[in-house]
PDB file of all heavy atoms in Angstrom:
ATOM      1  N   ALA A   1      -9.811  -4.440   1.324  1.00  0.00           N
ATOM      2  CA  ALA A   1      -8.904  -3.608   0.525  1.00  0.00           C
ATOM      3  C   ALA A   1      -8.414  -2.474   1.422  1.00  0.00           C
ATOM      4  O   ALA A   1      -9.210  -1.759   2.025  1.00  0.00           O
ATOM      5  CB  ALA A   1      -9.637  -3.051  -0.686  1.00  0.00           C
ATOM      6  N   PHE A   2      -7.088  -2.327   1.524  1.00  0.00           N
ATOM      7  CA  PHE A   2      -6.512  -1.361   2.449  1.00  0.00           C
ATOM      8  C   PHE A   2      -5.471  -0.517   1.731  1.00  0.00           C
ATOM      9  O   PHE A   2      -4.697  -1.027   0.907  1.00  0.00           O
ATOM     10  CB  PHE A   2      -5.865  -2.087   3.637  1.00  0.00           C
ATOM     11  CG  PHE A   2      -5.160  -1.176   4.602  1.00  0.00           C
ATOM     12  CD1 PHE A   2      -5.865  -0.515   5.599  1.00  0.00           C
ATOM     13  CD2 PHE A   2      -3.796  -0.967   4.516  1.00  0.00           C
ATOM     14  CE1 PHE A   2      -5.225   0.331   6.490  1.00  0.00           C
ATOM     15  CE2 PHE A   2      -3.141  -0.128   5.395  1.00  0.00           C
ATOM     16  CZ  PHE A   2      -3.858   0.522   6.384  1.00  0.00           C
ATOM     17  N   ALA A   3      -5.453   0.782   2.019  1.00  0.00           N
ATOM     18  CA  ALA A   3      -4.434   1.689   1.469  1.00  0.00           C
ATOM     19  C   ALA A   3      -3.911   2.577   2.577  1.00  0.00           C
ATOM     20  O   ALA A   3      -4.633   2.919   3.518  1.00  0.00           O
ATOM     21  CB  ALA A   3      -5.020   2.543   0.346  1.00  0.00           C
ATOM     22  N   LEU A   4      -2.643   2.951   2.466  1.00  0.00           N
ATOM     23  CA  LEU A   4      -2.025   3.826   3.456  1.00  0.00           C
ATOM     24  C   LEU A   4      -2.567   5.237   3.294  1.00  0.00           C
ATOM     25  O   LEU A   4      -2.537   5.816   2.201  1.00  0.00           O
ATOM     26  CB  LEU A   4      -0.503   3.828   3.287  1.00  0.00           C
ATOM     27  CG  LEU A   4       0.174   2.481   3.544  1.00  0.00           C
ATOM     28  CD1 LEU A   4       1.641   2.532   3.126  1.00  0.00           C
ATOM     29  CD2 LEU A   4       0.054   2.085   5.013  1.00  0.00           C
ATOM     30  N   SER A   5      -3.059   5.805   4.362  1.00  0.00           N
ATOM     31  CA  SER A   5      -3.657   7.135   4.327  1.00  0.00           C
ATOM     32  C   SER A   5      -2.600   8.201   4.034  1.00  0.00           C
ATOM     33  O   SER A   5      -1.564   8.262   4.694  1.00  0.00           O
ATOM     34  CB  SER A   5      -4.332   7.429   5.667  1.00  0.00           C
ATOM     35  OG  SER A   5      -4.927   8.694   5.670  1.00  0.00           O
ATOM     36  N   GLY A   6      -2.891   9.041   3.038  1.00  0.00           N
ATOM     37  CA  GLY A   6      -2.015  10.172   2.725  1.00  0.00           C
ATOM     38  C   GLY A   6      -0.797   9.847   1.908  1.00  0.00           C
ATOM     39  O   GLY A   6      -0.005  10.733   1.593  1.00  0.00           O
ATOM     40  N   VAL A   7      -0.604   8.567   1.547  1.00  0.00           N
ATOM     41  CA  VAL A   7       0.609   8.151   0.836  1.00  0.00           C
ATOM     42  C   VAL A   7       0.264   7.697  -0.578  1.00  0.00           C
ATOM     43  O   VAL A   7      -0.647   6.901  -0.778  1.00  0.00           O
ATOM     44  CB  VAL A   7       1.322   7.001   1.589  1.00  0.00           C
ATOM     45  CG1 VAL A   7       2.542   6.531   0.831  1.00  0.00           C
ATOM     46  CG2 VAL A   7       1.722   7.475   2.984  1.00  0.00           C
ATOM     47  N   LEU A   8       0.984   8.223  -1.565  1.00  0.00           N
ATOM     48  CA  LEU A   8       0.768   7.857  -2.964  1.00  0.00           C
ATOM     49  C   LEU A   8       2.007   7.151  -3.510  1.00  0.00           C
ATOM     50  O   LEU A   8       3.115   7.682  -3.421  1.00  0.00           O
ATOM     51  CB  LEU A   8       0.478   9.097  -3.808  1.00  0.00           C
ATOM     52  CG  LEU A   8      -0.870   9.799  -3.590  1.00  0.00           C
ATOM     53  CD1 LEU A   8      -0.937  11.056  -4.448  1.00  0.00           C
ATOM     54  CD2 LEU A   8      -2.015   8.878  -3.935  1.00  0.00           C
ATOM     55  N   ALA A   9       1.825   5.979  -4.077  1.00  0.00           N
ATOM     56  CA  ALA A   9       2.921   5.226  -4.696  1.00  0.00           C
ATOM     57  C   ALA A   9       2.824   5.346  -6.218  1.00  0.00           C
ATOM     58  O   ALA A   9       1.739   5.527  -6.758  1.00  0.00           O
ATOM     59  CB  ALA A   9       2.857   3.753  -4.280  1.00  0.00           C
ATOM     60  N   PRO A  10       3.949   5.247  -6.934  1.00  0.00           N
ATOM     61  CA  PRO A  10       3.885   5.269  -8.393  1.00  0.00           C
ATOM     62  C   PRO A  10       3.160   4.039  -8.915  1.00  0.00           C
ATOM     63  O   PRO A  10       3.176   2.975  -8.293  1.00  0.00           O
ATOM     64  CB  PRO A  10       5.364   5.278  -8.803  1.00  0.00           C
ATOM     65  CG  PRO A  10       6.096   4.709  -7.633  1.00  0.00           C
ATOM     66  CD  PRO A  10       5.314   5.131  -6.418  1.00  0.00           C
ATOM     67  N   GLY A  11       2.508   4.170 -10.070  1.00  0.00           N
ATOM     68  CA  GLY A  11       1.825   3.052 -10.693  1.00  0.00           C
ATOM     69  C   GLY A  11       2.803   1.996 -11.166  1.00  0.00           C
ATOM     70  O   GLY A  11       4.009   2.255 -11.300  1.00  0.00           O
ATOM     71  N   LYS A  12       2.292   0.798 -11.432  1.00  0.00           N
ATOM     72  CA  LYS A  12       3.176  -0.319 -11.790  1.00  0.00           C
ATOM     73  C   LYS A  12       3.960  -0.056 -13.064  1.00  0.00           C
ATOM     74  O   LYS A  12       5.053  -0.612 -13.258  1.00  0.00           O
ATOM     75  CB  LYS A  12       2.375  -1.608 -11.903  1.00  0.00           C
ATOM     76  CG  LYS A  12       1.328  -1.597 -13.013  1.00  0.00           C
ATOM     77  CD  LYS A  12       0.584  -2.923 -13.061  1.00  0.00           C
ATOM     78  CE  LYS A  12      -0.440  -2.927 -14.200  1.00  0.00           C
ATOM     79  NZ  LYS A  12      -1.172  -4.217 -14.272  1.00  0.00           N
ATOM     80  N   ASP A  13       3.423   0.792 -13.962  1.00  0.00           N
ATOM     81  CA  ASP A  13       4.114   1.088 -15.217  1.00  0.00           C
ATOM     82  C   ASP A  13       4.903   2.390 -15.149  1.00  0.00           C
ATOM     83  O   ASP A  13       5.488   2.819 -16.135  1.00  0.00           O
ATOM     84  CB  ASP A  13       3.096   1.170 -16.369  1.00  0.00           C
ATOM     85  CG  ASP A  13       2.400  -0.161 -16.607  1.00  0.00           C
ATOM     86  OD1 ASP A  13       3.061  -1.205 -16.451  1.00  0.00           O
ATOM     87  OD2 ASP A  13       1.198  -0.152 -16.940  1.00  0.00           O
ATOM     88  N   GLU A  14       4.919   3.020 -13.980  1.00  0.00           N
ATOM     89  CA  GLU A  14       5.650   4.269 -13.809  1.00  0.00           C
ATOM     90  C   GLU A  14       7.030   3.974 -13.219  1.00  0.00           C
ATOM     91  O   GLU A  14       7.266   2.897 -12.659  1.00  0.00           O
ATOM     92  CB  GLU A  14       4.877   5.214 -12.879  1.00  0.00           C
ATOM     93  CG  GLU A  14       3.528   5.638 -13.440  1.00  0.00           C
ATOM     94  CD  GLU A  14       2.750   6.512 -12.465  1.00  0.00           C
ATOM     95  OE1 GLU A  14       3.226   6.695 -11.325  1.00  0.00           O
ATOM     96  OE2 GLU A  14       1.685   7.010 -12.851  1.00  0.00           O
ATOM     97  N   PRO A  15       7.980   4.931 -13.356  1.00  0.00           N
ATOM     98  CA  PRO A  15       9.312   4.734 -12.765  1.00  0.00           C
ATOM     99  C   PRO A  15       9.227   4.423 -11.277  1.00  0.00           C
ATOM    100  O   PRO A  15       8.479   5.070 -10.546  1.00  0.00           O
ATOM    101  CB  PRO A  15       9.995   6.095 -13.007  1.00  0.00           C
ATOM    102  CG  PRO A  15       9.308   6.649 -14.220  1.00  0.00           C
ATOM    103  CD  PRO A  15       7.881   6.194 -14.119  1.00  0.00           C
ATOM    104  N   LEU A  16       9.966   3.396 -10.860  1.00  0.00           N
ATOM    105  CA  LEU A  16      10.068   2.942  -9.469  1.00  0.00           C
ATOM    106  C   LEU A  16       8.792   2.276  -8.968  1.00  0.00           C
ATOM    107  O   LEU A  16       8.692   1.936  -7.788  1.00  0.00           O
ATOM    108  CB  LEU A  16      10.459   4.089  -8.533  1.00  0.00           C
ATOM    109  CG  LEU A  16      11.831   4.727  -8.792  1.00  0.00           C
ATOM    110  CD1 LEU A  16      12.089   5.852  -7.803  1.00  0.00           C
ATOM    111  CD2 LEU A  16      12.933   3.685  -8.701  1.00  0.00           C
ATOM    112  N   GLY A  17       7.807   2.052  -9.845  1.00  0.00           N
ATOM    113  CA  GLY A  17       6.590   1.369  -9.425  1.00  0.00           C
ATOM    114  C   GLY A  17       6.883  -0.045  -8.953  1.00  0.00           C
ATOM    115  O   GLY A  17       6.413  -0.467  -7.890  1.00  0.00           O
ATOM    116  N   ALA A  18       7.676  -0.783  -9.721  1.00  0.00           N
ATOM    117  CA  ALA A  18       8.027  -2.151  -9.345  1.00  0.00           C
ATOM    118  C   ALA A  18       8.869  -2.173  -8.070  1.00  0.00           C
ATOM    119  O   ALA A  18       8.721  -3.061  -7.224  1.00  0.00           O
ATOM    120  CB  ALA A  18       8.775  -2.825 -10.493  1.00  0.00           C
ATOM    121  N   ALA A  19       9.747  -1.185  -7.924  1.00  0.00           N
ATOM    122  CA  ALA A  19      10.599  -1.118  -6.733  1.00  0.00           C
ATOM    123  C   ALA A  19       9.763  -0.864  -5.479  1.00  0.00           C
ATOM    124  O   ALA A  19      10.036  -1.423  -4.410  1.00  0.00           O
ATOM    125  CB  ALA A  19      11.648  -0.014  -6.897  1.00  0.00           C
ATOM    126  N   ALA A  20       8.729  -0.040  -5.609  1.00  0.00           N
ATOM    127  CA  ALA A  20       7.860   0.241  -4.464  1.00  0.00           C
ATOM    128  C   ALA A  20       7.112  -1.023  -4.036  1.00  0.00           C
ATOM    129  O   ALA A  20       6.990  -1.314  -2.844  1.00  0.00           O
ATOM    130  CB  ALA A  20       6.874   1.357  -4.818  1.00  0.00           C
ATOM    131  N   VAL A  21       6.632  -1.785  -5.031  1.00  0.00           N
ATOM    132  CA  VAL A  21       5.933  -3.037  -4.717  1.00  0.00           C
ATOM    133  C   VAL A  21       6.879  -4.024  -4.028  1.00  0.00           C
ATOM    134  O   VAL A  21       6.537  -4.648  -3.023  1.00  0.00           O
ATOM    135  CB  VAL A  21       5.344  -3.660  -6.001  1.00  0.00           C
ATOM    136  CG1 VAL A  21       4.793  -5.049  -5.702  1.00  0.00           C
ATOM    137  CG2 VAL A  21       4.247  -2.774  -6.561  1.00  0.00           C
ATOM    138  N   ALA A  22       8.101  -4.152  -4.569  1.00  0.00           N
ATOM    139  CA  ALA A  22       9.073  -5.084  -4.001  1.00  0.00           C
ATOM    140  C   ALA A  22       9.432  -4.690  -2.568  1.00  0.00           C
ATOM    141  O   ALA A  22       9.561  -5.545  -1.683  1.00  0.00           O
ATOM    142  CB  ALA A  22      10.331  -5.118  -4.877  1.00  0.00           C
ATOM    143  N   PHE A  23       9.582  -3.384  -2.322  1.00  0.00           N
ATOM    144  CA  PHE A  23       9.907  -2.899  -0.983  1.00  0.00           C
ATOM    145  C   PHE A  23       8.794  -3.242  -0.002  1.00  0.00           C
ATOM    146  O   PHE A  23       9.033  -3.729   1.103  1.00  0.00           O
ATOM    147  CB  PHE A  23      10.135  -1.381  -1.030  1.00  0.00           C
ATOM    148  CG  PHE A  23      10.561  -0.783   0.284  1.00  0.00           C
ATOM    149  CD1 PHE A  23      11.903  -0.624   0.591  1.00  0.00           C
ATOM    150  CD2 PHE A  23       9.618  -0.361   1.210  1.00  0.00           C
ATOM    151  CE1 PHE A  23      12.300  -0.060   1.808  1.00  0.00           C
ATOM    152  CE2 PHE A  23       9.989   0.192   2.419  1.00  0.00           C
ATOM    153  CZ  PHE A  23      11.338   0.344   2.711  1.00  0.00           C
ATOM    154  N   ALA A  24       7.547  -3.008  -0.415  1.00  0.00           N
ATOM    155  CA  ALA A  24       6.408  -3.289   0.465  1.00  0.00           C
ATOM    156  C   ALA A  24       6.266  -4.782   0.743  1.00  0.00           C
ATOM    157  O   ALA A  24       5.958  -5.193   1.860  1.00  0.00           O
ATOM    158  CB  ALA A  24       5.132  -2.738  -0.167  1.00  0.00           C
ATOM    159  N   ARG A  25       6.499  -5.604  -0.294  1.00  0.00           N
ATOM    160  CA  ARG A  25       6.428  -7.055  -0.114  1.00  0.00           C
ATOM    161  C   ARG A  25       7.466  -7.529   0.904  1.00  0.00           C
ATOM    162  O   ARG A  25       7.189  -8.313   1.803  1.00  0.00           O
ATOM    163  CB  ARG A  25       6.663  -7.766  -1.447  1.00  0.00           C
ATOM    164  CG  ARG A  25       5.475  -7.744  -2.394  1.00  0.00           C
ATOM    165  CD  ARG A  25       5.851  -8.458  -3.701  1.00  0.00           C
ATOM    166  NE  ARG A  25       4.741  -8.502  -4.632  1.00  0.00           N
ATOM    167  CZ  ARG A  25       3.794  -9.429  -4.649  1.00  0.00           C
ATOM    168  NH1 ARG A  25       3.837 -10.412  -3.759  1.00  0.00           N
ATOM    169  NH2 ARG A  25       2.817  -9.405  -5.528  1.00  0.00           N
ATOM    170  N   GLU A  26       8.689  -7.056   0.739  1.00  0.00           N
ATOM    171  CA  GLU A  26       9.773  -7.458   1.626  1.00  0.00           C
ATOM    172  C   GLU A  26       9.490  -7.037   3.068  1.00  0.00           C
ATOM    173  O   GLU A  26       9.814  -7.758   4.014  1.00  0.00           O
ATOM    174  CB  GLU A  26      11.083  -6.815   1.157  1.00  0.00           C
ATOM    175  CG  GLU A  26      12.298  -7.109   2.029  1.00  0.00           C
ATOM    176  CD  GLU A  26      12.708  -8.588   1.991  1.00  0.00           C
ATOM    177  OE1 GLU A  26      12.376  -9.271   0.993  1.00  0.00           O
ATOM    178  OE2 GLU A  26      13.366  -9.029   2.943  1.00  0.00           O
ATOM    179  N   LEU A  27       8.853  -5.884   3.216  1.00  0.00           N
ATOM    180  CA  LEU A  27       8.625  -5.335   4.552  1.00  0.00           C
ATOM    181  C   LEU A  27       7.498  -6.048   5.297  1.00  0.00           C
ATOM    182  O   LEU A  27       7.615  -6.321   6.498  1.00  0.00           O
ATOM    183  CB  LEU A  27       8.315  -3.837   4.447  1.00  0.00           C
ATOM    184  CG  LEU A  27       8.104  -3.068   5.750  1.00  0.00           C
ATOM    185  CD1 LEU A  27       9.377  -3.125   6.613  1.00  0.00           C
ATOM    186  CD2 LEU A  27       7.737  -1.616   5.459  1.00  0.00           C
ATOM    187  N   CYS A  28       6.405  -6.368   4.595  1.00  0.00           N
ATOM    188  CA  CYS A  28       5.251  -6.837   5.361  1.00  0.00           C
ATOM    189  C   CYS A  28       4.532  -8.089   4.844  1.00  0.00           C
ATOM    190  O   CYS A  28       3.636  -8.585   5.535  1.00  0.00           O
ATOM    191  CB  CYS A  28       4.230  -5.706   5.511  1.00  0.00           C
ATOM    192  SG  CYS A  28       3.804  -4.831   4.029  1.00  0.00           S
ATOM    193  N   LEU A  29       4.910  -8.623   3.695  1.00  0.00           N
ATOM    194  CA  LEU A  29       4.211  -9.821   3.221  1.00  0.00           C
ATOM    195  C   LEU A  29       4.453 -11.000   4.167  1.00  0.00           C
ATOM    196  O   LEU A  29       5.586 -11.271   4.569  1.00  0.00           O
ATOM    197  CB  LEU A  29       4.684 -10.172   1.810  1.00  0.00           C
ATOM    198  CG  LEU A  29       3.868 -11.264   1.097  1.00  0.00           C
ATOM    199  CD1 LEU A  29       2.431 -10.820   0.874  1.00  0.00           C
ATOM    200  CD2 LEU A  29       4.510 -11.626  -0.241  1.00  0.00           C
ATOM    201  N   GLN A  30       3.365 -11.687   4.542  1.00  0.00           N
ATOM    202  CA  GLN A  30       3.394 -12.829   5.462  1.00  0.00           C
ATOM    203  C   GLN A  30       3.841 -12.457   6.877  1.00  0.00           C
ATOM    204  O   GLN A  30       4.264 -13.320   7.654  1.00  0.00           O
ATOM    205  CB  GLN A  30       4.290 -13.949   4.910  1.00  0.00           C
ATOM    206  CG  GLN A  30       3.832 -14.515   3.582  1.00  0.00           C
ATOM    207  CD  GLN A  30       2.430 -15.125   3.662  1.00  0.00           C
ATOM    208  OE1 GLN A  30       2.054 -15.688   4.684  1.00  0.00           O
ATOM    209  NE2 GLN A  30       1.659 -15.002   2.588  1.00  0.00           N
ATOM    210  N   HIS A  31       3.764 -11.191   7.216  1.00  0.00           N
ATOM    211  CA  HIS A  31       4.048 -10.733   8.577  1.00  0.00           C
ATOM    212  C   HIS A  31       2.745 -10.308   9.247  1.00  0.00           C
ATOM    213  O   HIS A  31       1.821  -9.833   8.580  1.00  0.00           O
ATOM    214  CB  HIS A  31       5.013  -9.534   8.563  1.00  0.00           C
ATOM    215  CG  HIS A  31       6.426  -9.894   8.222  1.00  0.00           C
ATOM    216  ND1 HIS A  31       7.328 -10.350   9.159  1.00  0.00           N
ATOM    217  CD2 HIS A  31       7.087  -9.893   7.039  1.00  0.00           C
ATOM    218  CE1 HIS A  31       8.491 -10.594   8.570  1.00  0.00           C
ATOM    219  NE2 HIS A  31       8.363 -10.320   7.281  1.00  0.00           N
ATOM    220  N   ASP A  32       2.685 -10.475  10.550  1.00  0.00           N
ATOM    221  CA  ASP A  32       1.568  -9.915  11.299  1.00  0.00           C
ATOM    222  C   ASP A  32       1.721  -8.398  11.340  1.00  0.00           C
ATOM    223  O   ASP A  32       2.809  -7.884  11.637  1.00  0.00           O
ATOM    224  CB  ASP A  32       1.543 -10.453  12.734  1.00  0.00           C
ATOM    225  CG  ASP A  32       1.116 -11.919  12.786  1.00  0.00           C
ATOM    226  OD1 ASP A  32       0.474 -12.378  11.821  1.00  0.00           O
ATOM    227  OD2 ASP A  32       1.436 -12.594  13.785  1.00  0.00           O
ATOM    228  N   VAL A  33       0.654  -7.704  11.039  1.00  0.00           N
ATOM    229  CA  VAL A  33       0.679  -6.244  11.066  1.00  0.00           C
ATOM    230  C   VAL A  33      -0.494  -5.734  11.896  1.00  0.00           C
ATOM    231  O   VAL A  33      -1.447  -6.453  12.145  1.00  0.00           O
ATOM    232  CB  VAL A  33       0.597  -5.642   9.642  1.00  0.00           C
ATOM    233  CG1 VAL A  33       1.767  -6.116   8.780  1.00  0.00           C
ATOM    234  CG2 VAL A  33      -0.726  -5.992   8.977  1.00  0.00           C
ATOM    235  N   GLU A  34      -0.375  -4.503  12.313  1.00  0.00           N
ATOM    236  CA  GLU A  34      -1.469  -3.842  13.028  1.00  0.00           C
ATOM    237  C   GLU A  34      -1.905  -2.642  12.214  1.00  0.00           C
ATOM    238  O   GLU A  34      -1.073  -1.809  11.828  1.00  0.00           O
ATOM    239  CB  GLU A  34      -1.004  -3.393  14.411  1.00  0.00           C
ATOM    240  CG  GLU A  34      -2.091  -2.700  15.221  1.00  0.00           C
ATOM    241  CD  GLU A  34      -1.609  -2.285  16.598  1.00  0.00           C
ATOM    242  OE1 GLU A  34      -1.167  -3.174  17.363  1.00  0.00           O
ATOM    243  OE2 GLU A  34      -1.653  -1.077  16.898  1.00  0.00           O
ATOM    244  N   ILE A  35      -3.192  -2.563  11.915  1.00  0.00           N
ATOM    245  CA  ILE A  35      -3.698  -1.424  11.147  1.00  0.00           C
ATOM    246  C   ILE A  35      -4.665  -0.616  11.992  1.00  0.00           C
ATOM    247  O   ILE A  35      -5.352  -1.152  12.860  1.00  0.00           O
ATOM    248  CB  ILE A  35      -4.383  -1.858   9.828  1.00  0.00           C
ATOM    249  CG1 ILE A  35      -5.606  -2.747  10.102  1.00  0.00           C
ATOM    250  CG2 ILE A  35      -3.398  -2.556   8.902  1.00  0.00           C
ATOM    251  CD1 ILE A  35      -6.403  -3.070   8.850  1.00  0.00           C
ATOM    252  N   GLN A  36      -4.673   0.685  11.742  1.00  0.00           N
ATOM    253  CA  GLN A  36      -5.640   1.580  12.381  1.00  0.00           C
ATOM    254  C   GLN A  36      -6.421   2.257  11.268  1.00  0.00           C
ATOM    255  O   GLN A  36      -5.850   2.979  10.451  1.00  0.00           O
ATOM    256  CB  GLN A  36      -4.935   2.621  13.249  1.00  0.00           C
ATOM    257  CG  GLN A  36      -5.919   3.561  13.951  1.00  0.00           C
ATOM    258  CD  GLN A  36      -5.232   4.466  14.950  1.00  0.00           C
ATOM    259  OE1 GLN A  36      -4.206   4.100  15.531  1.00  0.00           O
ATOM    260  NE2 GLN A  36      -5.782   5.640  15.160  1.00  0.00           N
ATOM    261  N   ILE A  37      -7.728   2.001  11.226  1.00  0.00           N
ATOM    262  CA  ILE A  37      -8.571   2.526  10.164  1.00  0.00           C
ATOM    263  C   ILE A  37      -8.998   3.956  10.492  1.00  0.00           C
ATOM    264  O   ILE A  37      -9.502   4.231  11.582  1.00  0.00           O
ATOM    265  CB  ILE A  37      -9.822   1.650   9.962  1.00  0.00           C
ATOM    266  CG1 ILE A  37      -9.420   0.200   9.668  1.00  0.00           C
ATOM    267  CG2 ILE A  37     -10.703   2.204   8.849  1.00  0.00           C
ATOM    268  CD1 ILE A  37      -8.638   0.010   8.401  1.00  0.00           C
ATOM    269  N   GLU A  38      -8.790   4.858   9.541  1.00  0.00           N
ATOM    270  CA  GLU A  38      -9.237   6.241   9.709  1.00  0.00           C
ATOM    271  C   GLU A  38     -10.574   6.475   9.016  1.00  0.00           C
ATOM    272  O   GLU A  38     -11.451   7.155   9.532  1.00  0.00           O
ATOM    273  CB  GLU A  38      -8.199   7.212   9.147  1.00  0.00           C
ATOM    274  CG  GLU A  38      -6.878   7.199   9.896  1.00  0.00           C
ATOM    275  CD  GLU A  38      -5.851   8.119   9.262  1.00  0.00           C
ATOM    276  OE1 GLU A  38      -6.194   8.797   8.270  1.00  0.00           O
ATOM    277  OE2 GLU A  38      -4.712   8.160   9.748  1.00  0.00           O
ATOM    278  N   THR A  39     -10.720   5.910   7.812  1.00  0.00           N
ATOM    279  CA  THR A  39     -11.940   6.132   7.049  1.00  0.00           C
ATOM    280  C   THR A  39     -12.019   5.104   5.927  1.00  0.00           C
ATOM    281  O   THR A  39     -11.171   4.222   5.815  1.00  0.00           O
ATOM    282  CB  THR A  39     -11.967   7.564   6.468  1.00  0.00           C
ATOM    283  OG1 THR A  39     -13.224   7.808   5.836  1.00  0.00           O
ATOM    284  CG2 THR A  39     -10.858   7.766   5.449  1.00  0.00           C
ATOM    285  N   ILE A  40     -13.052   5.200   5.119  1.00  0.00           N
ATOM    286  CA  ILE A  40     -13.231   4.356   3.937  1.00  0.00           C
ATOM    287  C   ILE A  40     -13.513   5.272   2.763  1.00  0.00           C
ATOM    288  O   ILE A  40     -14.336   6.192   2.876  1.00  0.00           O
ATOM    289  CB  ILE A  40     -14.414   3.370   4.106  1.00  0.00           C
ATOM    290  CG1 ILE A  40     -14.303   2.627   5.438  1.00  0.00           C
ATOM    291  CG2 ILE A  40     -14.480   2.385   2.954  1.00  0.00           C
ATOM    292  CD1 ILE A  40     -15.526   1.791   5.772  1.00  0.00           C
ATOM    293  N   ASP A  41     -12.817   5.073   1.629  1.00  0.00           N
ATOM    294  CA  ASP A  41     -13.053   5.951   0.490  1.00  0.00           C
ATOM    295  C   ASP A  41     -14.294   5.517  -0.284  1.00  0.00           C
ATOM    296  O   ASP A  41     -14.961   4.530   0.046  1.00  0.00           O
ATOM    297  CB  ASP A  41     -11.815   6.055  -0.405  1.00  0.00           C
ATOM    298  CG  ASP A  41     -11.521   4.770  -1.178  1.00  0.00           C
ATOM    299  OD1 ASP A  41     -12.395   3.875  -1.237  1.00  0.00           O
ATOM    300  OD2 ASP A  41     -10.420   4.659  -1.745  1.00  0.00           O
ATOM    301  N   LYS A  42     -14.615   6.276  -1.337  1.00  0.00           N
ATOM    302  CA  LYS A  42     -15.867   6.029  -2.068  1.00  0.00           C
ATOM    303  C   LYS A  42     -15.856   4.706  -2.821  1.00  0.00           C
ATOM    304  O   LYS A  42     -16.903   4.230  -3.265  1.00  0.00           O
ATOM    305  CB  LYS A  42     -16.128   7.175  -3.046  1.00  0.00           C
ATOM    306  CG  LYS A  42     -15.036   7.402  -4.078  1.00  0.00           C
ATOM    307  CD  LYS A  42     -15.336   8.630  -4.911  1.00  0.00           C
ATOM    308  CE  LYS A  42     -14.212   8.896  -5.903  1.00  0.00           C
ATOM    309  NZ  LYS A  42     -14.482  10.132  -6.703  1.00  0.00           N
ATOM    310  N   ASN A  43     -14.674   4.091  -2.981  1.00  0.00           N
ATOM    311  CA  ASN A  43     -14.584   2.790  -3.646  1.00  0.00           C
ATOM    312  C   ASN A  43     -14.606   1.619  -2.662  1.00  0.00           C
ATOM    313  O   ASN A  43     -14.461   0.469  -3.067  1.00  0.00           O
ATOM    314  CB  ASN A  43     -13.304   2.727  -4.487  1.00  0.00           C
ATOM    315  CG  ASN A  43     -13.298   3.756  -5.596  1.00  0.00           C
ATOM    316  OD1 ASN A  43     -14.287   3.944  -6.284  1.00  0.00           O
ATOM    317  ND2 ASN A  43     -12.164   4.443  -5.762  1.00  0.00           N
ATOM    318  N   GLY A  44     -14.748   1.922  -1.364  1.00  0.00           N
ATOM    319  CA  GLY A  44     -14.805   0.865  -0.359  1.00  0.00           C
ATOM    320  C   GLY A  44     -13.450   0.424   0.150  1.00  0.00           C
ATOM    321  O   GLY A  44     -13.346  -0.594   0.833  1.00  0.00           O
ATOM    322  N   THR A  45     -12.401   1.183  -0.175  1.00  0.00           N
ATOM    323  CA  THR A  45     -11.062   0.871   0.332  1.00  0.00           C
ATOM    324  C   THR A  45     -10.869   1.489   1.715  1.00  0.00           C
ATOM    325  O   THR A  45     -11.141   2.681   1.904  1.00  0.00           O
ATOM    326  CB  THR A  45      -9.983   1.411  -0.628  1.00  0.00           C
ATOM    327  OG1 THR A  45     -10.144   0.805  -1.913  1.00  0.00           O
ATOM    328  CG2 THR A  45      -8.584   1.109  -0.105  1.00  0.00           C
TER     329      THR A  45
END
């Protein structure tokens, strides 16, 4: 489970929530990506 550090997206039921998901899918779904881990939160993300 991975989340972008310092960045908050609207929830799926909030305004532009669906648009944010669609944008992220278009940008990186099925693409090779490089991640740099800074930390892990209390939920294991």
